[in-house]
């Protein structure tokens, strides 16, 4: 009897020693690899990829020491959960437990893409394409889908003017349609009920406001000047005076093909409905995608009777009420060059 008891004690002790060794191994091998560092590694799980294949990829990238502790932890604690496809920002020195928890949460990595104010749709698409989103053809197709703005602008032929400039965070693989849906949704958030009421108050349509804002956006990058530029355009529209906005001519010329030079005098006679030197009133539609400040300026022009503006020596603009004042300002500008 004493022999049996002694044998049992030996087996239990051996088991405990083995268990302790196994736990020690599990803990040790679950730590981050030596020299892993503290940076962030972008790691992708492909659709349909197995847990074993993910573990092998993590080891190959140097994010875990061995696959066995990763697979064991998954089977012991997370067997009913699944790893979701997508890109993840993983801490290089996180270790098996931290990495597995991040992957199971499914919080995929989002790429931050910043779109500046005042770009045309084509220039905007170039930014997203350079970041790996969509193709030229897919953006051109999505650009013509105007359902998202149909209530605001029922006759819009495309989304020019409604692609709101902002920083967007997108998962890898987001389509051109997804991108433009995000941009038009952001526009509608900015151009909300208050802005729509103000649009009606000043006797314009949403498309006219966006078009006017696009002219303001291209004329000045100084937020403080935008209401003054807006006042000039509102005043000219009210008295039937041509807007004579240079950026509309540039936009018209770019619609015909590449254009990258200063305007020439003959360009001001270019036959296009967008050329505000030739045609009175606003052009048929926006010439770029305006930002928040220019939209607000279009809705709330300064209370001023200016009819002219020209560049100043300080980099802003000089605003004038009469042609005589404007001519003097133009001469001063030319004397600087």
C-alpha atoms as a PDB file:
ATOM      1  CA  UNK A   1       0.000   0.000   0.000  1.00  0.00           C
ATOM      2  CA  UNK A   2       2.819   2.327   0.889  1.00  0.00           C
ATOM      3  CA  UNK A   3       4.467   1.498  -2.438  1.00  0.00           C
ATOM      4  CA  UNK A   4       1.308   2.375  -4.379  1.00  0.00           C
ATOM      5  CA  UNK A   5       0.937   5.644  -2.486  1.00  0.00           C
ATOM      6  CA  UNK A   6       4.584   6.480  -3.129  1.00  0.00           C
ATOM      7  CA  UNK A   7       4.144   5.660  -6.826  1.00  0.00           C
ATOM      8  CA  UNK A   8       1.079   7.897  -7.035  1.00  0.00           C
ATOM      9  CA  UNK A   9       2.951  10.742  -5.376  1.00  0.00           C
ATOM     10  CA  UNK A  10       5.786  10.327  -7.848  1.00  0.00           C
ATOM     11  CA  UNK A  11       3.332  10.426 -10.799  1.00  0.00           C
ATOM     12  CA  UNK A  12       1.575  13.536  -9.439  1.00  0.00           C
ATOM     13  CA  UNK A  13       4.859  15.330  -8.831  1.00  0.00           C
ATOM     14  CA  UNK A  14       6.094  14.395 -12.288  1.00  0.00           C
ATOM     15  CA  UNK A  15       2.829  15.625 -13.783  1.00  0.00           C
ATOM     16  CA  UNK A  16       3.061  18.889 -11.915  1.00  0.00           C
ATOM     17  CA  UNK A  17       6.628  19.342 -13.019  1.00  0.00           C
ATOM     18  CA  UNK A  18       5.611  18.605 -16.601  1.00  0.00           C
ATOM     19  CA  UNK A  19       2.665  21.010 -16.339  1.00  0.00           C
ATOM     20  CA  UNK A  20       4.864  23.700 -14.876  1.00  0.00           C
ATOM     21  CA  UNK A  21       7.331  23.152 -17.680  1.00  0.00           C
ATOM     22  CA  UNK A  22       4.562  23.332 -20.258  1.00  0.00           C
ATOM     23  CA  UNK A  23       3.174  26.555 -18.795  1.00  0.00           C
ATOM     24  CA  UNK A  24       6.675  28.022 -18.659  1.00  0.00           C
ATOM     25  CA  UNK A  25       7.225  27.079 -22.303  1.00  0.00           C
ATOM     26  CA  UNK A  26       3.832  28.515 -23.304  1.00  0.00           C
ATOM     27  CA  UNK A  27       4.543  31.815 -21.563  1.00  0.00           C
ATOM     28  CA  UNK A  28       8.069  32.067 -22.917  1.00  0.00           C
ATOM     29  CA  UNK A  29       7.176  31.257 -26.495  1.00  0.00           C
ATOM     30  CA  UNK A  30       4.148  33.603 -26.431  1.00  0.00           C
ATOM     31  CA  UNK A  31       6.399  36.601 -25.904  1.00  0.00           C
ATOM     32  CA  UNK A  32       7.421  38.828 -28.783  1.00  0.00           C
ATOM     33  CA  UNK A  33      10.461  37.648 -30.762  1.00  0.00           C
ATOM     34  CA  UNK A  34      13.834  39.018 -29.732  1.00  0.00           C
ATOM     35  CA  UNK A  35      14.537  42.379 -31.363  1.00  0.00           C
ATOM     36  CA  UNK A  36      10.928  42.834 -32.469  1.00  0.00           C
ATOM     37  CA  UNK A  37      11.035  46.501 -31.520  1.00  0.00           C
ATOM     38  CA  UNK A  38       8.108  48.813 -30.744  1.00  0.00           C
ATOM     39  CA  UNK A  39       6.942  49.854 -34.207  1.00  0.00           C
ATOM     40  CA  UNK A  40       3.689  49.114 -36.018  1.00  0.00           C
ATOM     41  CA  UNK A  41       3.479  46.469 -38.730  1.00  0.00           C
ATOM     42  CA  UNK A  42       0.659  46.405 -41.280  1.00  0.00           C
ATOM     43  CA  UNK A  43      -0.488  42.808 -41.523  1.00  0.00           C
ATOM     44  CA  UNK A  44      -3.184  41.480 -43.836  1.00  0.00           C
ATOM     45  CA  UNK A  45      -5.520  38.533 -43.378  1.00  0.00           C
ATOM     46  CA  UNK A  46      -6.842  37.437 -46.734  1.00  0.00           C
ATOM     47  CA  UNK A  47     -10.432  36.322 -47.213  1.00  0.00           C
ATOM     48  CA  UNK A  48     -10.820  32.628 -46.400  1.00  0.00           C
ATOM     49  CA  UNK A  49      -7.362  32.346 -44.810  1.00  0.00           C
ATOM     50  CA  UNK A  50      -7.192  29.676 -42.062  1.00  0.00           C
ATOM     51  CA  UNK A  51      -5.999  30.316 -38.510  1.00  0.00           C
ATOM     52  CA  UNK A  52      -3.016  28.052 -39.175  1.00  0.00           C
ATOM     53  CA  UNK A  53      -2.089  30.030 -42.282  1.00  0.00           C
ATOM     54  CA  UNK A  54      -2.421  33.309 -40.336  1.00  0.00           C
ATOM     55  CA  UNK A  55      -0.108  31.936 -37.631  1.00  0.00           C
ATOM     56  CA  UNK A  56       2.448  30.921 -40.265  1.00  0.00           C
ATOM     57  CA  UNK A  57       2.291  34.383 -41.852  1.00  0.00           C
ATOM     58  CA  UNK A  58       2.763  36.060 -38.454  1.00  0.00           C
ATOM     59  CA  UNK A  59       5.857  33.931 -37.806  1.00  0.00           C
ATOM     60  CA  UNK A  60       7.221  34.673 -41.282  1.00  0.00           C
ATOM     61  CA  UNK A  61       6.805  38.426 -40.633  1.00  0.00           C
ATOM     62  CA  UNK A  62       8.684  38.078 -37.341  1.00  0.00           C
ATOM     63  CA  UNK A  63       5.666  38.998 -35.209  1.00  0.00           C
ATOM     64  CA  UNK A  64       5.516  35.742 -33.194  1.00  0.00           C
ATOM     65  CA  UNK A  65       8.205  33.263 -32.112  1.00  0.00           C
ATOM     66  CA  UNK A  66       6.367  30.063 -33.029  1.00  0.00           C
ATOM     67  CA  UNK A  67       3.017  29.070 -34.455  1.00  0.00           C
ATOM     68  CA  UNK A  68       2.186  26.445 -31.795  1.00  0.00           C
ATOM     69  CA  UNK A  69       1.535  28.880 -28.879  1.00  0.00           C
ATOM     70  CA  UNK A  70      -0.622  31.042 -31.135  1.00  0.00           C
ATOM     71  CA  UNK A  71      -2.700  28.055 -32.293  1.00  0.00           C
ATOM     72  CA  UNK A  72      -2.931  26.641 -28.757  1.00  0.00           C
ATOM     73  CA  UNK A  73      -4.156  29.942 -27.315  1.00  0.00           C
ATOM     74  CA  UNK A  74      -6.735  30.207 -30.087  1.00  0.00           C
ATOM     75  CA  UNK A  75      -8.019  26.642 -29.484  1.00  0.00           C
ATOM     76  CA  UNK A  76      -8.126  27.047 -25.691  1.00  0.00           C
ATOM     77  CA  UNK A  77      -9.769  30.460 -25.453  1.00  0.00           C
ATOM     78  CA  UNK A  78     -11.185  31.558 -28.811  1.00  0.00           C
ATOM     79  CA  UNK A  79     -12.183  28.471 -30.779  1.00  0.00           C
ATOM     80  CA  UNK A  80     -15.704  29.751 -31.440  1.00  0.00           C
ATOM     81  CA  UNK A  81     -14.440  33.106 -32.776  1.00  0.00           C
ATOM     82  CA  UNK A  82     -13.173  33.833 -36.258  1.00  0.00           C
ATOM     83  CA  UNK A  83     -10.386  35.968 -37.629  1.00  0.00           C
ATOM     84  CA  UNK A  84     -11.770  38.641 -39.951  1.00  0.00           C
ATOM     85  CA  UNK A  85     -10.172  39.466 -43.289  1.00  0.00           C
ATOM     86  CA  UNK A  86      -8.549  42.872 -43.731  1.00  0.00           C
ATOM     87  CA  UNK A  87      -5.464  44.883 -42.870  1.00  0.00           C
ATOM     88  CA  UNK A  88      -4.403  45.354 -39.239  1.00  0.00           C
ATOM     89  CA  UNK A  89      -1.910  47.642 -37.524  1.00  0.00           C
ATOM     90  CA  UNK A  90      -0.064  45.255 -35.205  1.00  0.00           C
ATOM     91  CA  UNK A  91       2.493  46.238 -32.550  1.00  0.00           C
ATOM     92  CA  UNK A  92       5.746  44.525 -33.488  1.00  0.00           C
ATOM     93  CA  UNK A  93       6.508  43.769 -29.835  1.00  0.00           C
ATOM     94  CA  UNK A  94       2.970  42.844 -28.809  1.00  0.00           C
ATOM     95  CA  UNK A  95       3.375  39.098 -28.371  1.00  0.00           C
ATOM     96  CA  UNK A  96       0.949  36.286 -29.165  1.00  0.00           C
ATOM     97  CA  UNK A  97      -1.868  37.217 -26.751  1.00  0.00           C
ATOM     98  CA  UNK A  98      -2.037  40.894 -27.764  1.00  0.00           C
ATOM     99  CA  UNK A  99      -1.850  40.129 -31.493  1.00  0.00           C
ATOM    100  CA  UNK A 100      -4.557  37.472 -31.324  1.00  0.00           C
ATOM    101  CA  UNK A 101      -6.904  39.784 -29.432  1.00  0.00           C
ATOM    102  CA  UNK A 102      -6.414  42.569 -32.018  1.00  0.00           C
ATOM    103  CA  UNK A 103      -7.131  40.177 -34.881  1.00  0.00           C
ATOM    104  CA  UNK A 104     -10.235  38.796 -33.177  1.00  0.00           C
ATOM    105  CA  UNK A 105     -11.658  42.281 -32.521  1.00  0.00           C
ATOM    106  CA  UNK A 106     -11.693  42.855 -36.272  1.00  0.00           C
ATOM    107  CA  UNK A 107     -10.637  46.486 -35.939  1.00  0.00           C
ATOM    108  CA  UNK A 108      -9.055  46.751 -39.359  1.00  0.00           C
ATOM    109  CA  UNK A 109      -6.492  49.361 -40.344  1.00  0.00           C
ATOM    110  CA  UNK A 110      -7.870  52.428 -42.123  1.00  0.00           C
ATOM    111  CA  UNK A 111      -5.807  54.442 -44.600  1.00  0.00           C
ATOM    112  CA  UNK A 112      -6.019  58.215 -44.058  1.00  0.00           C
ATOM    113  CA  UNK A 113      -6.426  60.073 -47.367  1.00  0.00           C
ATOM    114  CA  UNK A 114      -6.538  63.878 -47.271  1.00  0.00           C
ATOM    115  CA  UNK A 115      -8.287  65.748 -50.078  1.00  0.00           C
ATOM    116  CA  UNK A 116      -7.496  69.509 -50.137  1.00  0.00           C
ATOM    117  CA  UNK A 117     -10.081  72.150 -50.944  1.00  0.00           C
ATOM    118  CA  UNK A 118     -10.457  73.375 -54.503  1.00  0.00           C
ATOM    119  CA  UNK A 119      -9.564  70.267 -56.509  1.00  0.00           C
ATOM    120  CA  UNK A 120     -11.561  69.132 -59.494  1.00  0.00           C
ATOM    121  CA  UNK A 121     -13.069  65.651 -59.478  1.00  0.00           C
ATOM    122  CA  UNK A 122     -10.280  64.343 -61.736  1.00  0.00           C
ATOM    123  CA  UNK A 123      -7.581  65.723 -59.447  1.00  0.00           C
ATOM    124  CA  UNK A 124      -9.380  64.194 -56.472  1.00  0.00           C
ATOM    125  CA  UNK A 125      -9.515  60.786 -58.142  1.00  0.00           C
ATOM    126  CA  UNK A 126      -5.769  60.956 -58.789  1.00  0.00           C
ATOM    127  CA  UNK A 127      -5.157  61.216 -55.022  1.00  0.00           C
ATOM    128  CA  UNK A 128      -7.173  58.096 -54.264  1.00  0.00           C
ATOM    129  CA  UNK A 129      -5.721  56.143 -57.155  1.00  0.00           C
ATOM    130  CA  UNK A 130      -2.185  57.018 -56.027  1.00  0.00           C
ATOM    131  CA  UNK A 131      -3.093  55.537 -52.633  1.00  0.00           C
ATOM    132  CA  UNK A 132      -4.249  52.308 -54.250  1.00  0.00           C
ATOM    133  CA  UNK A 133      -7.979  52.882 -54.394  1.00  0.00           C
ATOM    134  CA  UNK A 134     -10.006  52.297 -57.549  1.00  0.00           C
ATOM    135  CA  UNK A 135      -9.190  52.725 -61.213  1.00  0.00           C
ATOM    136  CA  UNK A 136      -9.697  55.610 -63.613  1.00  0.00           C
ATOM    137  CA  UNK A 137     -12.626  53.798 -65.217  1.00  0.00           C
ATOM    138  CA  UNK A 138     -14.314  52.930 -61.901  1.00  0.00           C
ATOM    139  CA  UNK A 139     -14.087  56.523 -60.664  1.00  0.00           C
ATOM    140  CA  UNK A 140     -15.423  57.898 -63.937  1.00  0.00           C
ATOM    141  CA  UNK A 141     -18.379  55.516 -63.737  1.00  0.00           C
ATOM    142  CA  UNK A 142     -19.149  56.312 -60.080  1.00  0.00           C
ATOM    143  CA  UNK A 143     -18.754  60.041 -60.825  1.00  0.00           C
ATOM    144  CA  UNK A 144     -21.799  59.889 -63.100  1.00  0.00           C
ATOM    145  CA  UNK A 145     -23.986  58.226 -60.451  1.00  0.00           C
ATOM    146  CA  UNK A 146     -25.835  61.190 -58.935  1.00  0.00           C
ATOM    147  CA  UNK A 147     -28.534  59.504 -56.820  1.00  0.00           C
ATOM    148  CA  UNK A 148     -26.808  60.637 -53.605  1.00  0.00           C
ATOM    149  CA  UNK A 149     -27.383  64.312 -54.470  1.00  0.00           C
ATOM    150  CA  UNK A 150     -30.619  63.988 -56.439  1.00  0.00           C
ATOM    151  CA  UNK A 151     -32.706  65.807 -53.822  1.00  0.00           C
ATOM    152  CA  UNK A 152     -30.237  68.708 -53.701  1.00  0.00           C
ATOM    153  CA  UNK A 153     -29.463  68.926 -57.403  1.00  0.00           C
ATOM    154  CA  UNK A 154     -31.956  66.918 -59.489  1.00  0.00           C
ATOM    155  CA  UNK A 155     -30.377  67.839 -62.825  1.00  0.00           C
ATOM    156  CA  UNK A 156     -26.720  67.294 -61.910  1.00  0.00           C
ATOM    157  CA  UNK A 157     -24.872  65.441 -64.701  1.00  0.00           C
ATOM    158  CA  UNK A 158     -22.141  64.318 -62.285  1.00  0.00           C
ATOM    159  CA  UNK A 159     -20.771  64.838 -58.767  1.00  0.00           C
ATOM    160  CA  UNK A 160     -18.471  67.801 -59.465  1.00  0.00           C
ATOM    161  CA  UNK A 161     -18.736  70.198 -56.528  1.00  0.00           C
ATOM    162  CA  UNK A 162     -20.200  67.616 -54.153  1.00  0.00           C
ATOM    163  CA  UNK A 163     -17.018  65.661 -53.352  1.00  0.00           C
ATOM    164  CA  UNK A 164     -16.312  67.308 -50.032  1.00  0.00           C
ATOM    165  CA  UNK A 165     -12.619  67.967 -49.262  1.00  0.00           C
ATOM    166  CA  UNK A 166     -11.750  66.206 -46.033  1.00  0.00           C
ATOM    167  CA  UNK A 167      -9.523  63.500 -44.529  1.00  0.00           C
ATOM    168  CA  UNK A 168     -11.108  60.123 -45.180  1.00  0.00           C
ATOM    169  CA  UNK A 169     -10.195  56.849 -43.465  1.00  0.00           C
ATOM    170  CA  UNK A 170     -10.755  53.872 -45.713  1.00  0.00           C
ATOM    171  CA  UNK A 171     -10.093  50.140 -45.491  1.00  0.00           C
ATOM    172  CA  UNK A 172      -7.978  48.484 -48.134  1.00  0.00           C
ATOM    173  CA  UNK A 173     -10.101  47.516 -51.106  1.00  0.00           C
ATOM    174  CA  UNK A 174     -12.675  50.290 -50.749  1.00  0.00           C
ATOM    175  CA  UNK A 175     -14.215  50.799 -54.197  1.00  0.00           C
ATOM    176  CA  UNK A 176     -14.536  54.046 -56.132  1.00  0.00           C
ATOM    177  CA  UNK A 177     -18.267  53.952 -55.405  1.00  0.00           C
ATOM    178  CA  UNK A 178     -17.535  53.591 -51.666  1.00  0.00           C
ATOM    179  CA  UNK A 179     -15.143  56.554 -51.779  1.00  0.00           C
ATOM    180  CA  UNK A 180     -17.571  58.861 -53.560  1.00  0.00           C
ATOM    181  CA  UNK A 181     -20.430  57.761 -51.308  1.00  0.00           C
ATOM    182  CA  UNK A 182     -18.362  58.851 -48.288  1.00  0.00           C
ATOM    183  CA  UNK A 183     -17.519  62.192 -49.901  1.00  0.00           C
ATOM    184  CA  UNK A 184     -21.082  63.048 -50.906  1.00  0.00           C
ATOM    185  CA  UNK A 185     -22.349  61.987 -47.480  1.00  0.00           C
ATOM    186  CA  UNK A 186     -19.855  64.362 -45.885  1.00  0.00           C
ATOM    187  CA  UNK A 187     -21.003  67.152 -48.204  1.00  0.00           C
ATOM    188  CA  UNK A 188     -24.615  66.643 -47.135  1.00  0.00           C
ATOM    189  CA  UNK A 189     -23.586  66.751 -43.471  1.00  0.00           C
ATOM    190  CA  UNK A 190     -21.851  70.104 -44.029  1.00  0.00           C
ATOM    191  CA  UNK A 191     -24.564  71.477 -46.294  1.00  0.00           C
ATOM    192  CA  UNK A 192     -27.355  70.717 -43.850  1.00  0.00           C
ATOM    193  CA  UNK A 193     -30.855  72.065 -43.161  1.00  0.00           C
ATOM    194  CA  UNK A 194     -29.563  75.467 -42.037  1.00  0.00           C
ATOM    195  CA  UNK A 195     -27.547  75.923 -45.213  1.00  0.00           C
ATOM    196  CA  UNK A 196     -30.501  74.844 -47.336  1.00  0.00           C
ATOM    197  CA  UNK A 197     -32.788  77.346 -45.639  1.00  0.00           C
ATOM    198  CA  UNK A 198     -30.213  80.089 -46.213  1.00  0.00           C
ATOM    199  CA  UNK A 199     -29.967  79.060 -49.869  1.00  0.00           C
ATOM    200  CA  UNK A 200     -33.686  79.699 -50.301  1.00  0.00           C
ATOM    201  CA  UNK A 201     -33.438  83.001 -48.407  1.00  0.00           C
ATOM    202  CA  UNK A 202     -30.902  84.417 -50.874  1.00  0.00           C
ATOM    203  CA  UNK A 203     -32.874  83.222 -53.878  1.00  0.00           C
ATOM    204  CA  UNK A 204     -30.446  80.624 -55.185  1.00  0.00           C
ATOM    205  CA  UNK A 205     -30.532  76.878 -55.747  1.00  0.00           C
ATOM    206  CA  UNK A 206     -28.089  74.510 -53.994  1.00  0.00           C
ATOM    207  CA  UNK A 207     -26.269  74.011 -57.307  1.00  0.00           C
ATOM    208  CA  UNK A 208     -25.870  77.766 -57.737  1.00  0.00           C
ATOM    209  CA  UNK A 209     -24.511  78.103 -54.198  1.00  0.00           C
ATOM    210  CA  UNK A 210     -22.014  75.280 -54.742  1.00  0.00           C
ATOM    211  CA  UNK A 211     -21.008  76.779 -58.092  1.00  0.00           C
ATOM    212  CA  UNK A 212     -20.495  80.209 -56.516  1.00  0.00           C
ATOM    213  CA  UNK A 213     -18.520  78.631 -53.660  1.00  0.00           C
ATOM    214  CA  UNK A 214     -16.279  76.893 -56.187  1.00  0.00           C
ATOM    215  CA  UNK A 215     -15.443  80.254 -57.789  1.00  0.00           C
ATOM    216  CA  UNK A 216     -14.666  81.761 -54.390  1.00  0.00           C
ATOM    217  CA  UNK A 217     -12.506  78.742 -53.516  1.00  0.00           C
ATOM    218  CA  UNK A 218     -10.399  79.168 -56.643  1.00  0.00           C
ATOM    219  CA  UNK A 219     -10.051  82.960 -56.287  1.00  0.00           C
ATOM    220  CA  UNK A 220      -8.591  83.032 -52.764  1.00  0.00           C
ATOM    221  CA  UNK A 221      -7.139  80.676 -50.205  1.00  0.00           C
ATOM    222  CA  UNK A 222      -7.581  83.239 -47.427  1.00  0.00           C
ATOM    223  CA  UNK A 223     -10.653  82.416 -45.371  1.00  0.00           C
ATOM    224  CA  UNK A 224     -11.010  86.014 -44.152  1.00  0.00           C
ATOM    225  CA  UNK A 225     -11.225  87.246 -47.769  1.00  0.00           C
ATOM    226  CA  UNK A 226     -13.847  84.780 -48.928  1.00  0.00           C
ATOM    227  CA  UNK A 227     -16.918  86.806 -47.810  1.00  0.00           C
ATOM    228  CA  UNK A 228     -15.506  89.853 -49.660  1.00  0.00           C
ATOM    229  CA  UNK A 229     -14.943  87.874 -52.863  1.00  0.00           C
ATOM    230  CA  UNK A 230     -18.455  86.526 -52.406  1.00  0.00           C
ATOM    231  CA  UNK A 231     -19.785  90.090 -52.066  1.00  0.00           C
ATOM    232  CA  UNK A 232     -18.185  91.072 -55.379  1.00  0.00           C
ATOM    233  CA  UNK A 233     -19.804  88.127 -57.164  1.00  0.00           C
ATOM    234  CA  UNK A 234     -23.196  88.664 -55.506  1.00  0.00           C
ATOM    235  CA  UNK A 235     -23.091  92.359 -56.414  1.00  0.00           C
ATOM    236  CA  UNK A 236     -22.217  91.614 -60.025  1.00  0.00           C
ATOM    237  CA  UNK A 237     -24.943  89.000 -60.308  1.00  0.00           C
ATOM    238  CA  UNK A 238     -27.474  91.439 -58.896  1.00  0.00           C
ATOM    239  CA  UNK A 239     -26.730  94.166 -61.475  1.00  0.00           C
ATOM    240  CA  UNK A 240     -26.215  91.802 -64.416  1.00  0.00           C
ATOM    241  CA  UNK A 241     -22.472  92.403 -64.687  1.00  0.00           C
ATOM    242  CA  UNK A 242     -20.229  89.592 -65.972  1.00  0.00           C
ATOM    243  CA  UNK A 243     -18.329  87.794 -63.218  1.00  0.00           C
ATOM    244  CA  UNK A 244     -15.070  87.751 -65.248  1.00  0.00           C
ATOM    245  CA  UNK A 245     -13.554  85.053 -63.054  1.00  0.00           C
ATOM    246  CA  UNK A 246     -10.236  83.760 -64.433  1.00  0.00           C
ATOM    247  CA  UNK A 247     -10.547  80.268 -62.877  1.00  0.00           C
ATOM    248  CA  UNK A 248     -13.699  79.650 -64.938  1.00  0.00           C
ATOM    249  CA  UNK A 249     -11.683  80.183 -68.115  1.00  0.00           C
ATOM    250  CA  UNK A 250      -8.967  77.817 -66.879  1.00  0.00           C
ATOM    251  CA  UNK A 251     -11.590  75.196 -66.037  1.00  0.00           C
ATOM    252  CA  UNK A 252     -13.158  75.579 -69.490  1.00  0.00           C
ATOM    253  CA  UNK A 253      -9.779  75.120 -71.176  1.00  0.00           C
ATOM    254  CA  UNK A 254      -8.947  72.076 -69.030  1.00  0.00           C
ATOM    255  CA  UNK A 255     -12.195  70.451 -70.112  1.00  0.00           C
ATOM    256  CA  UNK A 256     -10.773  70.479 -73.653  1.00  0.00           C
ATOM    257  CA  UNK A 257      -7.458  68.885 -72.658  1.00  0.00           C
ATOM    258  CA  UNK A 258      -4.282  69.439 -70.589  1.00  0.00           C
ATOM    259  CA  UNK A 259      -3.678  73.079 -69.694  1.00  0.00           C
ATOM    260  CA  UNK A 260      -0.680  74.247 -67.686  1.00  0.00           C
ATOM    261  CA  UNK A 261       0.298  77.829 -68.465  1.00  0.00           C
ATOM    262  CA  UNK A 262      -0.763  81.376 -67.548  1.00  0.00           C
ATOM    263  CA  UNK A 263      -3.888  82.728 -69.190  1.00  0.00           C
ATOM    264  CA  UNK A 264      -3.394  84.729 -72.384  1.00  0.00           C
ATOM    265  CA  UNK A 265      -5.627  87.609 -73.428  1.00  0.00           C
ATOM    266  CA  UNK A 266      -7.084  85.549 -76.268  1.00  0.00           C
ATOM    267  CA  UNK A 267      -8.111  82.844 -73.762  1.00  0.00           C
ATOM    268  CA  UNK A 268     -10.671  85.231 -72.277  1.00  0.00           C
ATOM    269  CA  UNK A 269     -12.644  84.895 -75.525  1.00  0.00           C
ATOM    270  CA  UNK A 270     -12.637  81.086 -75.432  1.00  0.00           C
ATOM    271  CA  UNK A 271     -16.099  79.853 -76.396  1.00  0.00           C
ATOM    272  CA  UNK A 272     -17.428  77.862 -73.452  1.00  0.00           C
ATOM    273  CA  UNK A 273     -20.500  78.173 -71.209  1.00  0.00           C
ATOM    274  CA  UNK A 274     -18.029  78.111 -68.307  1.00  0.00           C
ATOM    275  CA  UNK A 275     -16.227  81.247 -69.526  1.00  0.00           C
ATOM    276  CA  UNK A 276     -17.603  84.069 -67.365  1.00  0.00           C
ATOM    277  CA  UNK A 277     -15.819  86.655 -69.520  1.00  0.00           C
ATOM    278  CA  UNK A 278     -18.100  85.658 -72.386  1.00  0.00           C
ATOM    279  CA  UNK A 279     -21.331  84.749 -70.574  1.00  0.00           C
ATOM    280  CA  UNK A 280     -23.197  86.595 -67.824  1.00  0.00           C
ATOM    281  CA  UNK A 281     -24.209  84.868 -64.640  1.00  0.00           C
ATOM    282  CA  UNK A 282     -22.823  81.763 -63.016  1.00  0.00           C
ATOM    283  CA  UNK A 283     -21.293  78.972 -65.105  1.00  0.00           C
ATOM    284  CA  UNK A 284     -23.379  75.812 -65.637  1.00  0.00           C
ATOM    285  CA  UNK A 285     -21.895  74.084 -62.614  1.00  0.00           C
ATOM    286  CA  UNK A 286     -19.067  73.994 -60.080  1.00  0.00           C
ATOM    287  CA  UNK A 287     -15.493  74.332 -61.332  1.00  0.00           C
ATOM    288  CA  UNK A 288     -14.007  72.518 -58.324  1.00  0.00           C
ATOM    289  CA  UNK A 289     -15.021  70.948 -55.031  1.00  0.00           C
ATOM    290  CA  UNK A 290     -15.284  73.772 -52.474  1.00  0.00           C
ATOM    291  CA  UNK A 291     -14.649  73.517 -48.746  1.00  0.00           C
ATOM    292  CA  UNK A 292     -16.663  74.583 -45.734  1.00  0.00           C
ATOM    293  CA  UNK A 293     -15.381  78.195 -45.606  1.00  0.00           C
ATOM    294  CA  UNK A 294     -16.158  78.957 -49.239  1.00  0.00           C
ATOM    295  CA  UNK A 295     -19.632  77.417 -48.954  1.00  0.00           C
ATOM    296  CA  UNK A 296     -20.343  79.627 -45.949  1.00  0.00           C
ATOM    297  CA  UNK A 297     -18.981  82.655 -47.803  1.00  0.00           C
ATOM    298  CA  UNK A 298     -21.258  81.955 -50.763  1.00  0.00           C
ATOM    299  CA  UNK A 299     -24.230  81.858 -48.384  1.00  0.00           C
ATOM    300  CA  UNK A 300     -23.117  84.838 -46.287  1.00  0.00           C
ATOM    301  CA  UNK A 301     -21.364  87.487 -48.422  1.00  0.00           C
ATOM    302  CA  UNK A 302     -19.868  90.483 -46.670  1.00  0.00           C
ATOM    303  CA  UNK A 303     -22.022  93.585 -46.494  1.00  0.00           C
ATOM    304  CA  UNK A 304     -19.936  95.586 -48.983  1.00  0.00           C
ATOM    305  CA  UNK A 305     -20.518  97.281 -52.325  1.00  0.00           C
ATOM    306  CA  UNK A 306     -17.246  96.168 -53.966  1.00  0.00           C
ATOM    307  CA  UNK A 307     -17.361  95.226 -57.650  1.00  0.00           C
ATOM    308  CA  UNK A 308     -13.671  94.500 -58.316  1.00  0.00           C
ATOM    309  CA  UNK A 309     -10.636  92.839 -56.770  1.00  0.00           C
ATOM    310  CA  UNK A 310      -7.047  92.197 -57.788  1.00  0.00           C
ATOM    311  CA  UNK A 311      -3.969  90.705 -56.161  1.00  0.00           C
ATOM    312  CA  UNK A 312      -2.132  92.857 -53.633  1.00  0.00           C
ATOM    313  CA  UNK A 313       1.561  93.128 -52.830  1.00  0.00           C
ATOM    314  CA  UNK A 314       0.902  91.278 -49.544  1.00  0.00           C
ATOM    315  CA  UNK A 315      -0.448  88.238 -51.376  1.00  0.00           C
ATOM    316  CA  UNK A 316      -4.113  88.894 -50.677  1.00  0.00           C
ATOM    317  CA  UNK A 317      -6.457  91.087 -52.704  1.00  0.00           C
ATOM    318  CA  UNK A 318      -7.336  94.751 -53.036  1.00  0.00           C
ATOM    319  CA  UNK A 319     -11.094  95.346 -53.307  1.00  0.00           C
ATOM    320  CA  UNK A 320     -12.511  98.335 -55.176  1.00  0.00           C
ATOM    321  CA  UNK A 321     -15.903  99.964 -55.732  1.00  0.00           C
ATOM    322  CA  UNK A 322     -15.167 101.782 -58.993  1.00  0.00           C
ATOM    323  CA  UNK A 323     -13.271 101.069 -62.177  1.00  0.00           C
ATOM    324  CA  UNK A 324     -10.980 104.014 -61.416  1.00  0.00           C
ATOM    325  CA  UNK A 325      -9.981 102.506 -58.044  1.00  0.00           C
ATOM    326  CA  UNK A 326      -9.593  99.088 -59.626  1.00  0.00           C
ATOM    327  CA  UNK A 327      -7.394 100.386 -62.450  1.00  0.00           C
ATOM    328  CA  UNK A 328      -5.060 101.991 -59.922  1.00  0.00           C
ATOM    329  CA  UNK A 329      -4.865  98.703 -57.993  1.00  0.00           C
ATOM    330  CA  UNK A 330      -4.134  96.794 -61.210  1.00  0.00           C
ATOM    331  CA  UNK A 331      -1.320  99.205 -62.098  1.00  0.00           C
ATOM    332  CA  UNK A 332       0.164  98.768 -58.629  1.00  0.00           C
ATOM    333  CA  UNK A 333       0.038  94.975 -59.067  1.00  0.00           C
ATOM    334  CA  UNK A 334       1.696  95.109 -62.495  1.00  0.00           C
ATOM    335  CA  UNK A 335       4.461  97.363 -61.168  1.00  0.00           C
ATOM    336  CA  UNK A 336       5.442  94.538 -58.852  1.00  0.00           C
ATOM    337  CA  UNK A 337       6.152  92.233 -61.785  1.00  0.00           C
END
